[in-house]
Amino acid sequence: MRFAIVCHPHRGTIFLPATDLTLEPMDIILLYGYRFKIELGFRQAVHVVGSYAYHFWMAAMKPRRRGQGDQYLHRETQAYRDAVRRKLNAFHLHVQLGCAAQGLLQHLAGVYCEL
């Protein structure tokens, strides 16, 4: 392990660990900055935009309890498998549109912000 020690003016001393021993301390700090931005973007996608607030139900889907494991779609009819594919496609499109909306909101905030 390699550590980068940062003296933050408000939070005090912060230890940033890295498993890559070839990284320079400034690179470790830079990577942790990217990590913070990614986590903040994910939090915004969840709480502000609703990118992951999906509820796509399929009337024909058999109810399953949590922890029952995977479904065996190869044992189901072709119509059922097609319905599951449509449901997964709707889920993927919802998340992609949410991410695009979040990107547009960030662009507009950056370009048209008033200081």
PDB file of N, CA and C in Angstrom:
ATOM      1  N   MET A   1       0.843  -1.170   0.000  1.00  0.00           N
ATOM      2  CA  MET A   1       0.000   0.000   0.000  1.00  0.00           C
ATOM      3  C   MET A   1       0.892   1.239   0.000  1.00  0.00           C
ATOM      4  N   ARG A   2       0.396   2.231  -0.708  1.00  0.00           N
ATOM      5  CA  ARG A   2       1.056   3.538  -0.707  1.00  0.00           C
ATOM      6  C   ARG A   2       0.031   4.561  -0.245  1.00  0.00           C
ATOM      7  N   PHE A   3       0.447   5.488   0.586  1.00  0.00           N
ATOM      8  CA  PHE A   3      -0.452   6.479   1.139  1.00  0.00           C
ATOM      9  C   PHE A   3      -0.012   7.866   0.710  1.00  0.00           C
ATOM     10  N   ALA A   4      -0.999   8.680   0.396  1.00  0.00           N
ATOM     11  CA  ALA A   4      -0.770  10.110   0.184  1.00  0.00           C
ATOM     12  C   ALA A   4      -1.430  10.808   1.363  1.00  0.00           C
ATOM     13  N   ILE A   5      -0.662  11.596   2.088  1.00  0.00           N
ATOM     14  CA  ILE A   5      -1.168  12.292   3.268  1.00  0.00           C
ATOM     15  C   ILE A   5      -1.433  13.737   2.878  1.00  0.00           C
ATOM     16  N   VAL A   6      -2.677  14.169   3.103  1.00  0.00           N
ATOM     17  CA  VAL A   6      -3.099  15.513   2.720  1.00  0.00           C
ATOM     18  C   VAL A   6      -3.467  16.276   3.988  1.00  0.00           C
ATOM     19  N   CYS A   7      -2.972  17.488   4.115  1.00  0.00           N
ATOM     20  CA  CYS A   7      -3.353  18.366   5.224  1.00  0.00           C
ATOM     21  C   CYS A   7      -4.442  19.301   4.724  1.00  0.00           C
ATOM     22  N   HIS A   8      -5.690  18.957   5.022  1.00  0.00           N
ATOM     23  CA  HIS A   8      -6.841  19.739   4.574  1.00  0.00           C
ATOM     24  C   HIS A   8      -7.116  20.847   5.589  1.00  0.00           C
ATOM     25  N   PRO A   9      -7.423  22.070   5.121  1.00  0.00           N
ATOM     26  CA  PRO A   9      -7.606  23.176   6.066  1.00  0.00           C
ATOM     27  C   PRO A   9      -8.824  23.013   6.979  1.00  0.00           C
ATOM     28  N   HIS A  10      -9.865  22.299   6.534  1.00  0.00           N
ATOM     29  CA  HIS A  10     -11.071  22.153   7.347  1.00  0.00           C
ATOM     30  C   HIS A  10     -11.223  20.753   7.934  1.00  0.00           C
ATOM     31  N   ARG A  11     -10.786  19.745   7.213  1.00  0.00           N
ATOM     32  CA  ARG A  11     -10.978  18.358   7.662  1.00  0.00           C
ATOM     33  C   ARG A  11      -9.765  17.776   8.372  1.00  0.00           C
ATOM     34  N   GLY A  12      -8.678  18.504   8.399  1.00  0.00           N
ATOM     35  CA  GLY A  12      -7.479  17.995   9.065  1.00  0.00           C
ATOM     36  C   GLY A  12      -6.673  17.095   8.148  1.00  0.00           C
ATOM     37  N   THR A  13      -5.978  16.166   8.736  1.00  0.00           N
ATOM     38  CA  THR A  13      -5.113  15.266   7.986  1.00  0.00           C
ATOM     39  C   THR A  13      -5.927  14.119   7.404  1.00  0.00           C
ATOM     40  N   ILE A  14      -5.761  13.889   6.105  1.00  0.00           N
ATOM     41  CA  ILE A  14      -6.479  12.817   5.398  1.00  0.00           C
ATOM     42  C   ILE A  14      -5.449  11.864   4.807  1.00  0.00           C
ATOM     43  N   PHE A  15      -5.645  10.571   5.028  1.00  0.00           N
ATOM     44  CA  PHE A  15      -4.790   9.540   4.457  1.00  0.00           C
ATOM     45  C   PHE A  15      -5.510   8.916   3.270  1.00  0.00           C
ATOM     46  N   LEU A  16      -4.912   8.979   2.090  1.00  0.00           N
ATOM     47  CA  LEU A  16      -5.493   8.417   0.880  1.00  0.00           C
ATOM     48  C   LEU A  16      -4.679   7.190   0.471  1.00  0.00           C
ATOM     49  N   PRO A  17      -5.238   5.978   0.615  1.00  0.00           N
ATOM     50  CA  PRO A  17      -4.492   4.768   0.271  1.00  0.00           C
ATOM     51  C   PRO A  17      -4.586   4.436  -1.219  1.00  0.00           C
ATOM     52  N   ALA A  18      -3.553   3.780  -1.717  1.00  0.00           N
ATOM     53  CA  ALA A  18      -3.539   3.290  -3.096  1.00  0.00           C
ATOM     54  C   ALA A  18      -2.789   1.958  -3.127  1.00  0.00           C
ATOM     55  N   THR A  19      -3.295   1.026  -3.907  1.00  0.00           N
ATOM     56  CA  THR A  19      -2.626  -0.270  -4.018  1.00  0.00           C
ATOM     57  C   THR A  19      -1.592  -0.282  -5.132  1.00  0.00           C
ATOM     58  N   ASP A  20      -1.673   0.680  -6.056  1.00  0.00           N
ATOM     59  CA  ASP A  20      -0.696   0.782  -7.146  1.00  0.00           C
ATOM     60  C   ASP A  20       0.528   1.524  -6.626  1.00  0.00           C
ATOM     61  N   LEU A  21       1.624   0.818  -6.463  1.00  0.00           N
ATOM     62  CA  LEU A  21       2.827   1.410  -5.882  1.00  0.00           C
ATOM     63  C   LEU A  21       3.568   2.323  -6.848  1.00  0.00           C
ATOM     64  N   THR A  22       3.174   2.319  -8.120  1.00  0.00           N
ATOM     65  CA  THR A  22       3.859   3.167  -9.098  1.00  0.00           C
ATOM     66  C   THR A  22       3.266   4.572  -9.168  1.00  0.00           C
ATOM     67  N   LEU A  23       2.130   4.800  -8.513  1.00  0.00           N
ATOM     68  CA  LEU A  23       1.489   6.116  -8.566  1.00  0.00           C
ATOM     69  C   LEU A  23       2.240   7.124  -7.704  1.00  0.00           C
ATOM     70  N   GLU A  24       2.367   8.321  -8.242  1.00  0.00           N
ATOM     71  CA  GLU A  24       2.935   9.426  -7.472  1.00  0.00           C
ATOM     72  C   GLU A  24       1.861   9.966  -6.529  1.00  0.00           C
ATOM     73  N   PRO A  25       2.257  10.606  -5.431  1.00  0.00           N
ATOM     74  CA  PRO A  25       1.260  11.137  -4.489  1.00  0.00           C
ATOM     75  C   PRO A  25       0.269  12.111  -5.127  1.00  0.00           C
ATOM     76  N   MET A  26       0.714  12.957  -6.033  1.00  0.00           N
ATOM     77  CA  MET A  26      -0.206  13.897  -6.691  1.00  0.00           C
ATOM     78  C   MET A  26      -1.215  13.164  -7.573  1.00  0.00           C
ATOM     79  N   ASP A  27      -0.793  12.046  -8.186  1.00  0.00           N
ATOM     80  CA  ASP A  27      -1.721  11.245  -8.981  1.00  0.00           C
ATOM     81  C   ASP A  27      -2.780  10.595  -8.094  1.00  0.00           C
ATOM     82  N   ILE A  28      -2.397  10.145  -6.913  1.00  0.00           N
ATOM     83  CA  ILE A  28      -3.359   9.560  -5.967  1.00  0.00           C
ATOM     84  C   ILE A  28      -4.398  10.604  -5.568  1.00  0.00           C
ATOM     85  N   ILE A  29      -3.945  11.810  -5.280  1.00  0.00           N
ATOM     86  CA  ILE A  29      -4.858  12.889  -4.907  1.00  0.00           C
ATOM     87  C   ILE A  29      -5.793  13.209  -6.068  1.00  0.00           C
ATOM     88  N   LEU A  30      -5.248  13.258  -7.289  1.00  0.00           N
ATOM     89  CA  LEU A  30      -6.061  13.535  -8.478  1.00  0.00           C
ATOM     90  C   LEU A  30      -7.124  12.458  -8.685  1.00  0.00           C
ATOM     91  N   LEU A  31      -6.747  11.187  -8.516  1.00  0.00           N
ATOM     92  CA  LEU A  31      -7.696  10.089  -8.692  1.00  0.00           C
ATOM     93  C   LEU A  31      -8.799  10.125  -7.633  1.00  0.00           C
ATOM     94  N   TYR A  32      -8.458  10.483  -6.408  1.00  0.00           N
ATOM     95  CA  TYR A  32      -9.493  10.607  -5.387  1.00  0.00           C
ATOM     96  C   TYR A  32     -10.428  11.768  -5.688  1.00  0.00           C
ATOM     97  N   GLY A  33      -9.910  12.821  -6.315  1.00  0.00           N
ATOM     98  CA  GLY A  33     -10.780  13.916  -6.753  1.00  0.00           C
ATOM     99  C   GLY A  33     -11.772  13.452  -7.802  1.00  0.00           C
ATOM    100  N   TYR A  34     -11.312  12.627  -8.755  1.00  0.00           N
ATOM    101  CA  TYR A  34     -12.227  12.064  -9.760  1.00  0.00           C
ATOM    102  C   TYR A  34     -13.269  11.162  -9.104  1.00  0.00           C
ATOM    103  N   ARG A  35     -12.827  10.370  -8.134  1.00  0.00           N
ATOM    104  CA  ARG A  35     -13.753   9.474  -7.434  1.00  0.00           C
ATOM    105  C   ARG A  35     -14.865  10.275  -6.756  1.00  0.00           C
ATOM    106  N   PHE A  36     -14.515  11.384  -6.129  1.00  0.00           N
ATOM    107  CA  PHE A  36     -15.510  12.229  -5.485  1.00  0.00           C
ATOM    108  C   PHE A  36     -16.513  12.761  -6.505  1.00  0.00           C
ATOM    109  N   LYS A  37     -16.018  13.197  -7.660  1.00  0.00           N
ATOM    110  CA  LYS A  37     -16.918  13.718  -8.695  1.00  0.00           C
ATOM    111  C   LYS A  37     -17.854  12.635  -9.219  1.00  0.00           C
ATOM    112  N   ILE A  38     -17.343  11.428  -9.379  1.00  0.00           N
ATOM    113  CA  ILE A  38     -18.167  10.316  -9.856  1.00  0.00           C
ATOM    114  C   ILE A  38     -19.254   9.988  -8.828  1.00  0.00           C
ATOM    115  N   GLU A  39     -18.889   9.929  -7.549  1.00  0.00           N
ATOM    116  CA  GLU A  39     -19.875   9.622  -6.515  1.00  0.00           C
ATOM    117  C   GLU A  39     -20.919  10.723  -6.400  1.00  0.00           C
ATOM    118  N   LEU A  40     -20.502  11.969  -6.536  1.00  0.00           N
ATOM    119  CA  LEU A  40     -21.451  13.080  -6.501  1.00  0.00           C
ATOM    120  C   LEU A  40     -22.401  13.009  -7.697  1.00  0.00           C
ATOM    121  N   GLY A  41     -21.877  12.687  -8.874  1.00  0.00           N
ATOM    122  CA  GLY A  41     -22.726  12.542 -10.057  1.00  0.00           C
ATOM    123  C   GLY A  41     -23.725  11.408  -9.900  1.00  0.00           C
ATOM    124  N   PHE A  42     -23.291  10.294  -9.311  1.00  0.00           N
ATOM    125  CA  PHE A  42     -24.208   9.174  -9.085  1.00  0.00           C
ATOM    126  C   PHE A  42     -25.302   9.582  -8.095  1.00  0.00           C
ATOM    127  N   ARG A  43     -24.924  10.303  -7.027  1.00  0.00           N
ATOM    128  CA  ARG A  43     -25.918  10.747  -6.047  1.00  0.00           C
ATOM    129  C   ARG A  43     -26.940  11.686  -6.690  1.00  0.00           C
ATOM    130  N   GLN A  44     -26.465  12.576  -7.569  1.00  0.00           N
ATOM    131  CA  GLN A  44     -27.389  13.457  -8.272  1.00  0.00           C
ATOM    132  C   GLN A  44     -28.316  12.658  -9.191  1.00  0.00           C
ATOM    133  N   ALA A  45     -27.765  11.658  -9.866  1.00  0.00           N
ATOM    134  CA  ALA A  45     -28.585  10.832 -10.756  1.00  0.00           C
ATOM    135  C   ALA A  45     -29.674  10.111  -9.976  1.00  0.00           C
ATOM    136  N   VAL A  46     -29.373   9.695  -8.761  1.00  0.00           N
ATOM    137  CA  VAL A  46     -30.347   8.965  -7.950  1.00  0.00           C
ATOM    138  C   VAL A  46     -31.382   9.909  -7.348  1.00  0.00           C
ATOM    139  N   HIS A  47     -30.925  10.986  -6.714  1.00  0.00           N
ATOM    140  CA  HIS A  47     -31.819  11.810  -5.912  1.00  0.00           C
ATOM    141  C   HIS A  47     -32.437  12.992  -6.659  1.00  0.00           C
ATOM    142  N   VAL A  48     -31.761  13.540  -7.643  1.00  0.00           N
ATOM    143  CA  VAL A  48     -32.266  14.736  -8.330  1.00  0.00           C
ATOM    144  C   VAL A  48     -32.978  14.361  -9.623  1.00  0.00           C
ATOM    145  N   VAL A  49     -32.299  13.618 -10.484  1.00  0.00           N
ATOM    146  CA  VAL A  49     -32.850  13.304 -11.802  1.00  0.00           C
ATOM    147  C   VAL A  49     -33.776  12.084 -11.747  1.00  0.00           C
ATOM    148  N   GLY A  50     -33.486  11.143 -10.865  1.00  0.00           N
ATOM    149  CA  GLY A  50     -34.306   9.926 -10.787  1.00  0.00           C
ATOM    150  C   GLY A  50     -33.930   8.894 -11.818  1.00  0.00           C
ATOM    151  N   SER A  51     -32.677   8.878 -12.242  1.00  0.00           N
ATOM    152  CA  SER A  51     -32.245   7.946 -13.284  1.00  0.00           C
ATOM    153  C   SER A  51     -32.412   6.487 -12.883  1.00  0.00           C
ATOM    154  N   TYR A  52     -32.292   6.203 -11.605  1.00  0.00           N
ATOM    155  CA  TYR A  52     -32.371   4.818 -11.155  1.00  0.00           C
ATOM    156  C   TYR A  52     -33.667   4.539 -10.406  1.00  0.00           C
ATOM    157  N   ALA A  53     -34.642   5.447 -10.494  1.00  0.00           N
ATOM    158  CA  ALA A  53     -35.936   5.252  -9.844  1.00  0.00           C
ATOM    159  C   ALA A  53     -36.896   4.623 -10.848  1.00  0.00           C
ATOM    160  N   TYR A  54     -36.628   3.418 -11.227  1.00  0.00           N
ATOM    161  CA  TYR A  54     -37.418   2.756 -12.253  1.00  0.00           C
ATOM    162  C   TYR A  54     -38.351   1.726 -11.607  1.00  0.00           C
ATOM    163  N   HIS A  55     -39.502   1.580 -12.193  1.00  0.00           N
ATOM    164  CA  HIS A  55     -40.449   0.545 -11.794  1.00  0.00           C
ATOM    165  C   HIS A  55     -41.117   0.035 -13.064  1.00  0.00           C
ATOM    166  N   PHE A  56     -40.482  -0.919 -13.696  1.00  0.00           N
ATOM    167  CA  PHE A  56     -41.033  -1.502 -14.903  1.00  0.00           C
ATOM    168  C   PHE A  56     -41.572  -2.879 -14.543  1.00  0.00           C
ATOM    169  N   TRP A  57     -42.866  -2.985 -14.556  1.00  0.00           N
ATOM    170  CA  TRP A  57     -43.508  -4.234 -14.196  1.00  0.00           C
ATOM    171  C   TRP A  57     -43.946  -4.964 -15.461  1.00  0.00           C
ATOM    172  N   MET A  58     -43.999  -6.251 -15.344  1.00  0.00           N
ATOM    173  CA  MET A  58     -44.448  -7.063 -16.449  1.00  0.00           C
ATOM    174  C   MET A  58     -45.595  -7.922 -15.924  1.00  0.00           C
ATOM    175  N   ALA A  59     -46.775  -7.757 -16.507  1.00  0.00           N
ATOM    176  CA  ALA A  59     -47.955  -8.440 -15.995  1.00  0.00           C
ATOM    177  C   ALA A  59     -47.783  -9.961 -16.012  1.00  0.00           C
ATOM    178  N   ALA A  60     -47.071 -10.459 -17.013  1.00  0.00           N
ATOM    179  CA  ALA A  60     -46.935 -11.916 -17.138  1.00  0.00           C
ATOM    180  C   ALA A  60     -45.822 -12.481 -16.263  1.00  0.00           C
ATOM    181  N   MET A  61     -45.039 -11.625 -15.626  1.00  0.00           N
ATOM    182  CA  MET A  61     -43.894 -12.118 -14.858  1.00  0.00           C
ATOM    183  C   MET A  61     -44.375 -12.835 -13.598  1.00  0.00           C
ATOM    184  N   LYS A  62     -43.768 -13.951 -13.353  1.00  0.00           N
ATOM    185  CA  LYS A  62     -44.126 -14.743 -12.186  1.00  0.00           C
ATOM    186  C   LYS A  62     -43.526 -14.093 -10.937  1.00  0.00           C
ATOM    187  N   PRO A  63     -44.309 -13.929  -9.877  1.00  0.00           N
ATOM    188  CA  PRO A  63     -43.775 -13.289  -8.672  1.00  0.00           C
ATOM    189  C   PRO A  63     -42.676 -14.136  -8.036  1.00  0.00           C
ATOM    190  N   ARG A  64     -41.640 -13.436  -7.589  1.00  0.00           N
ATOM    191  CA  ARG A  64     -40.514 -14.117  -6.956  1.00  0.00           C
ATOM    192  C   ARG A  64     -40.160 -13.375  -5.683  1.00  0.00           C
ATOM    193  N   ARG A  65     -39.810 -14.122  -4.671  1.00  0.00           N
ATOM    194  CA  ARG A  65     -39.377 -13.504  -3.428  1.00  0.00           C
ATOM    195  C   ARG A  65     -37.903 -13.195  -3.495  1.00  0.00           C
ATOM    196  N   ARG A  66     -37.503 -12.218  -2.703  1.00  0.00           N
ATOM    197  CA  ARG A  66     -36.092 -11.830  -2.655  1.00  0.00           C
ATOM    198  C   ARG A  66     -35.260 -13.011  -2.179  1.00  0.00           C
ATOM    199  N   GLY A  67     -34.140 -13.219  -2.848  1.00  0.00           N
ATOM    200  CA  GLY A  67     -33.229 -14.285  -2.460  1.00  0.00           C
ATOM    201  C   GLY A  67     -33.548 -15.639  -3.059  1.00  0.00           C
ATOM    202  N   GLN A  68     -34.538 -15.723  -3.950  1.00  0.00           N
ATOM    203  CA  GLN A  68     -34.877 -17.010  -4.558  1.00  0.00           C
ATOM    204  C   GLN A  68     -33.917 -17.391  -5.677  1.00  0.00           C
ATOM    205  N   GLY A  69     -33.070 -16.484  -6.093  1.00  0.00           N
ATOM    206  CA  GLY A  69     -32.138 -16.806  -7.150  1.00  0.00           C
ATOM    207  C   GLY A  69     -32.623 -16.355  -8.516  1.00  0.00           C
ATOM    208  N   ASP A  70     -31.957 -16.835  -9.528  1.00  0.00           N
ATOM    209  CA  ASP A  70     -32.255 -16.429 -10.894  1.00  0.00           C
ATOM    210  C   ASP A  70     -33.437 -17.201 -11.461  1.00  0.00           C
ATOM    211  N   GLN A  71     -34.027 -16.601 -12.495  1.00  0.00           N
ATOM    212  CA  GLN A  71     -35.057 -17.311 -13.252  1.00  0.00           C
ATOM    213  C   GLN A  71     -34.368 -18.128 -14.343  1.00  0.00           C
ATOM    214  N   TYR A  72     -34.967 -19.219 -14.706  1.00  0.00           N
ATOM    215  CA  TYR A  72     -34.438 -20.045 -15.774  1.00  0.00           C
ATOM    216  C   TYR A  72     -35.262 -19.758 -17.023  1.00  0.00           C
ATOM    217  N   LEU A  73     -34.852 -18.738 -17.769  1.00  0.00           N
ATOM    218  CA  LEU A  73     -35.636 -18.306 -18.924  1.00  0.00           C
ATOM    219  C   LEU A  73     -35.638 -19.324 -20.050  1.00  0.00           C
ATOM    220  N   HIS A  74     -34.634 -20.172 -20.099  1.00  0.00           N
ATOM    221  CA  HIS A  74     -34.614 -21.170 -21.167  1.00  0.00           C
ATOM    222  C   HIS A  74     -35.731 -22.206 -20.991  1.00  0.00           C
ATOM    223  N   ARG A  75     -36.336 -22.246 -19.809  1.00  0.00           N
ATOM    224  CA  ARG A  75     -37.450 -23.164 -19.581  1.00  0.00           C
ATOM    225  C   ARG A  75     -38.802 -22.511 -19.858  1.00  0.00           C
ATOM    226  N   GLU A  76     -38.804 -21.213 -20.145  1.00  0.00           N
ATOM    227  CA  GLU A  76     -40.052 -20.478 -20.367  1.00  0.00           C
ATOM    228  C   GLU A  76     -40.381 -20.431 -21.857  1.00  0.00           C
ATOM    229  N   THR A  77     -41.574 -19.946 -22.156  1.00  0.00           N
ATOM    230  CA  THR A  77     -42.002 -19.837 -23.551  1.00  0.00           C
ATOM    231  C   THR A  77     -41.269 -18.682 -24.230  1.00  0.00           C
ATOM    232  N   GLN A  78     -41.298 -18.698 -25.548  1.00  0.00           N
ATOM    233  CA  GLN A  78     -40.647 -17.634 -26.316  1.00  0.00           C
ATOM    234  C   GLN A  78     -41.306 -16.278 -26.048  1.00  0.00           C
ATOM    235  N   ALA A  79     -42.633 -16.266 -25.909  1.00  0.00           N
ATOM    236  CA  ALA A  79     -43.345 -15.014 -25.631  1.00  0.00           C
ATOM    237  C   ALA A  79     -42.917 -14.427 -24.288  1.00  0.00           C
ATOM    238  N   TYR A  80     -42.741 -15.284 -23.287  1.00  0.00           N
ATOM    239  CA  TYR A  80     -42.293 -14.814 -21.967  1.00  0.00           C
ATOM    240  C   TYR A  80     -40.879 -14.247 -22.052  1.00  0.00           C
ATOM    241  N   ARG A  81     -40.001 -14.944 -22.762  1.00  0.00           N
ATOM    242  CA  ARG A  81     -38.622 -14.449 -22.919  1.00  0.00           C
ATOM    243  C   ARG A  81     -38.599 -13.121 -23.653  1.00  0.00           C
ATOM    244  N   ASP A  82     -39.436 -12.960 -24.671  1.00  0.00           N
ATOM    245  CA  ASP A  82     -39.512 -11.677 -25.389  1.00  0.00           C
ATOM    246  C   ASP A  82     -40.006 -10.559 -24.477  1.00  0.00           C
ATOM    247  N   ALA A  83     -40.982 -10.869 -23.604  1.00  0.00           N
ATOM    248  CA  ALA A  83     -41.488  -9.863 -22.663  1.00  0.00           C
ATOM    249  C   ALA A  83     -40.394  -9.451 -21.683  1.00  0.00           C
ATOM    250  N   VAL A  84     -39.584 -10.390 -21.234  1.00  0.00           N
ATOM    251  CA  VAL A  84     -38.473 -10.063 -20.340  1.00  0.00           C
ATOM    252  C   VAL A  84     -37.452  -9.195 -21.067  1.00  0.00           C
ATOM    253  N   ARG A  85     -37.181  -9.487 -22.330  1.00  0.00           N
ATOM    254  CA  ARG A  85     -36.255  -8.659 -23.109  1.00  0.00           C
ATOM    255  C   ARG A  85     -36.783  -7.235 -23.253  1.00  0.00           C
ATOM    256  N   ARG A  86     -38.086  -7.091 -23.494  1.00  0.00           N
ATOM    257  CA  ARG A  86     -38.691  -5.743 -23.590  1.00  0.00           C
ATOM    258  C   ARG A  86     -38.563  -4.998 -22.274  1.00  0.00           C
ATOM    259  N   LYS A  87     -38.761  -5.701 -21.171  1.00  0.00           N
ATOM    260  CA  LYS A  87     -38.634  -5.082 -19.855  1.00  0.00           C
ATOM    261  C   LYS A  87     -37.193  -4.618 -19.623  1.00  0.00           C
ATOM    262  N   LEU A  88     -36.229  -5.446 -19.929  1.00  0.00           N
ATOM    263  CA  LEU A  88     -34.820  -5.063 -19.760  1.00  0.00           C
ATOM    264  C   LEU A  88     -34.448  -3.904 -20.679  1.00  0.00           C
ATOM    265  N   ASN A  89     -34.980  -3.895 -21.889  1.00  0.00           N
ATOM    266  CA  ASN A  89     -34.728  -2.794 -22.814  1.00  0.00           C
ATOM    267  C   ASN A  89     -35.300  -1.488 -22.271  1.00  0.00           C
ATOM    268  N   ALA A  90     -36.507  -1.552 -21.698  1.00  0.00           N
ATOM    269  CA  ALA A  90     -37.120  -0.359 -21.109  1.00  0.00           C
ATOM    270  C   ALA A  90     -36.273   0.149 -19.950  1.00  0.00           C
ATOM    271  N   PHE A  91     -35.754  -0.743 -19.137  1.00  0.00           N
ATOM    272  CA  PHE A  91     -34.879  -0.365 -18.026  1.00  0.00           C
ATOM    273  C   PHE A  91     -33.622   0.332 -18.535  1.00  0.00           C
ATOM    274  N   HIS A  92     -32.979  -0.241 -19.537  1.00  0.00           N
ATOM    275  CA  HIS A  92     -31.747   0.356 -20.077  1.00  0.00           C
ATOM    276  C   HIS A  92     -32.017   1.729 -20.691  1.00  0.00           C
ATOM    277  N   LEU A  93     -33.105   1.853 -21.428  1.00  0.00           N
ATOM    278  CA  LEU A  93     -33.435   3.149 -22.020  1.00  0.00           C
ATOM    279  C   LEU A  93     -33.725   4.200 -20.948  1.00  0.00           C
ATOM    280  N   HIS A  94     -34.403   3.805 -19.888  1.00  0.00           N
ATOM    281  CA  HIS A  94     -34.709   4.740 -18.796  1.00  0.00           C
ATOM    282  C   HIS A  94     -33.426   5.268 -18.154  1.00  0.00           C
ATOM    283  N   VAL A  95     -32.490   4.390 -17.871  1.00  0.00           N
ATOM    284  CA  VAL A  95     -31.228   4.811 -17.249  1.00  0.00           C
ATOM    285  C   VAL A  95     -30.426   5.680 -18.213  1.00  0.00           C
ATOM    286  N   GLN A  96     -30.383   5.312 -19.487  1.00  0.00           N
ATOM    287  CA  GLN A  96     -29.635   6.107 -20.465  1.00  0.00           C
ATOM    288  C   GLN A  96     -30.240   7.492 -20.645  1.00  0.00           C
ATOM    289  N   LEU A  97     -31.557   7.581 -20.702  1.00  0.00           N
ATOM    290  CA  LEU A  97     -32.197   8.897 -20.817  1.00  0.00           C
ATOM    291  C   LEU A  97     -31.962   9.729 -19.568  1.00  0.00           C
ATOM    292  N   GLY A  98     -31.970   9.112 -18.407  1.00  0.00           N
ATOM    293  CA  GLY A  98     -31.672   9.828 -17.172  1.00  0.00           C
ATOM    294  C   GLY A  98     -30.259  10.375 -17.159  1.00  0.00           C
ATOM    295  N   CYS A  99     -29.306   9.585 -17.633  1.00  0.00           N
ATOM    296  CA  CYS A  99     -27.913  10.053 -17.702  1.00  0.00           C
ATOM    297  C   CYS A  99     -27.762  11.185 -18.717  1.00  0.00           C
ATOM    298  N   ALA A 100     -28.461  11.081 -19.840  1.00  0.00           N
ATOM    299  CA  ALA A 100     -28.411  12.164 -20.833  1.00  0.00           C
ATOM    300  C   ALA A 100     -29.031  13.436 -20.271  1.00  0.00           C
ATOM    301  N   ALA A 101     -30.149  13.297 -19.555  1.00  0.00           N
ATOM    302  CA  ALA A 101     -30.783  14.471 -18.942  1.00  0.00           C
ATOM    303  C   ALA A 101     -29.863  15.102 -17.910  1.00  0.00           C
ATOM    304  N   GLN A 102     -29.180  14.283 -17.136  1.00  0.00           N
ATOM    305  CA  GLN A 102     -28.246  14.800 -16.142  1.00  0.00           C
ATOM    306  C   GLN A 102     -27.100  15.539 -16.815  1.00  0.00           C
ATOM    307  N   GLY A 103     -26.585  15.003 -17.902  1.00  0.00           N
ATOM    308  CA  GLY A 103     -25.522  15.682 -18.635  1.00  0.00           C
ATOM    309  C   GLY A 103     -25.971  17.020 -19.190  1.00  0.00           C
ATOM    310  N   LEU A 104     -27.195  17.056 -19.733  1.00  0.00           N
ATOM    311  CA  LEU A 104     -27.730  18.329 -20.240  1.00  0.00           C
ATOM    312  C   LEU A 104     -27.905  19.347 -19.111  1.00  0.00           C
ATOM    313  N   LEU A 105     -28.397  18.895 -17.961  1.00  0.00           N
ATOM    314  CA  LEU A 105     -28.556  19.798 -16.824  1.00  0.00           C
ATOM    315  C   LEU A 105     -27.208  20.348 -16.353  1.00  0.00           C
ATOM    316  N   GLN A 106     -26.194  19.511 -16.326  1.00  0.00           N
ATOM    317  CA  GLN A 106     -24.864  19.972 -15.920  1.00  0.00           C
ATOM    318  C   GLN A 106     -24.298  20.950 -16.930  1.00  0.00           C
ATOM    319  N   HIS A 107     -24.514  20.685 -18.211  1.00  0.00           N
ATOM    320  CA  HIS A 107     -24.037  21.614 -19.253  1.00  0.00           C
ATOM    321  C   HIS A 107     -24.724  22.962 -19.119  1.00  0.00           C
ATOM    322  N   LEU A 108     -26.049  22.952 -18.985  1.00  0.00           N
ATOM    323  CA  LEU A 108     -26.788  24.204 -18.852  1.00  0.00           C
ATOM    324  C   LEU A 108     -26.374  24.960 -17.594  1.00  0.00           C
ATOM    325  N   ALA A 109     -26.150  24.252 -16.509  1.00  0.00           N
ATOM    326  CA  ALA A 109     -25.725  24.922 -15.279  1.00  0.00           C
ATOM    327  C   ALA A 109     -24.341  25.540 -15.439  1.00  0.00           C
ATOM    328  N   GLY A 110     -23.483  24.877 -16.168  1.00  0.00           N
ATOM    329  CA  GLY A 110     -22.142  25.409 -16.357  1.00  0.00           C
ATOM    330  C   GLY A 110     -22.075  26.568 -17.328  1.00  0.00           C
ATOM    331  N   VAL A 111     -22.913  26.546 -18.355  1.00  0.00           N
ATOM    332  CA  VAL A 111     -22.869  27.574 -19.372  1.00  0.00           C
ATOM    333  C   VAL A 111     -23.677  28.808 -18.981  1.00  0.00           C
ATOM    334  N   TYR A 112     -24.823  28.562 -18.349  1.00  0.00           N
ATOM    335  CA  TYR A 112     -25.729  29.685 -18.081  1.00  0.00           C
ATOM    336  C   TYR A 112     -25.802  30.043 -16.588  1.00  0.00           C
ATOM    337  N   CYS A 113     -24.757  29.774 -15.849  1.00  0.00           N
ATOM    338  CA  CYS A 113     -24.775  30.129 -14.430  1.00  0.00           C
ATOM    339  C   CYS A 113     -24.498  31.634 -14.281  1.00  0.00           C
ATOM    340  N   GLU A 114     -25.125  32.225 -13.292  1.00  0.00           N
ATOM    341  CA  GLU A 114     -24.913  33.635 -12.997  1.00  0.00           C
ATOM    342  C   GLU A 114     -24.028  33.742 -11.777  1.00  0.00           C
ATOM    343  N   LEU A 115     -22.971  34.463 -11.903  1.00  0.00           N
ATOM    344  CA  LEU A 115     -22.064  34.596 -10.752  1.00  0.00           C
ATOM    345  C   LEU A 115     -22.359  35.846  -9.971  1.00  0.00           C
TER     346      LEU A 115
END
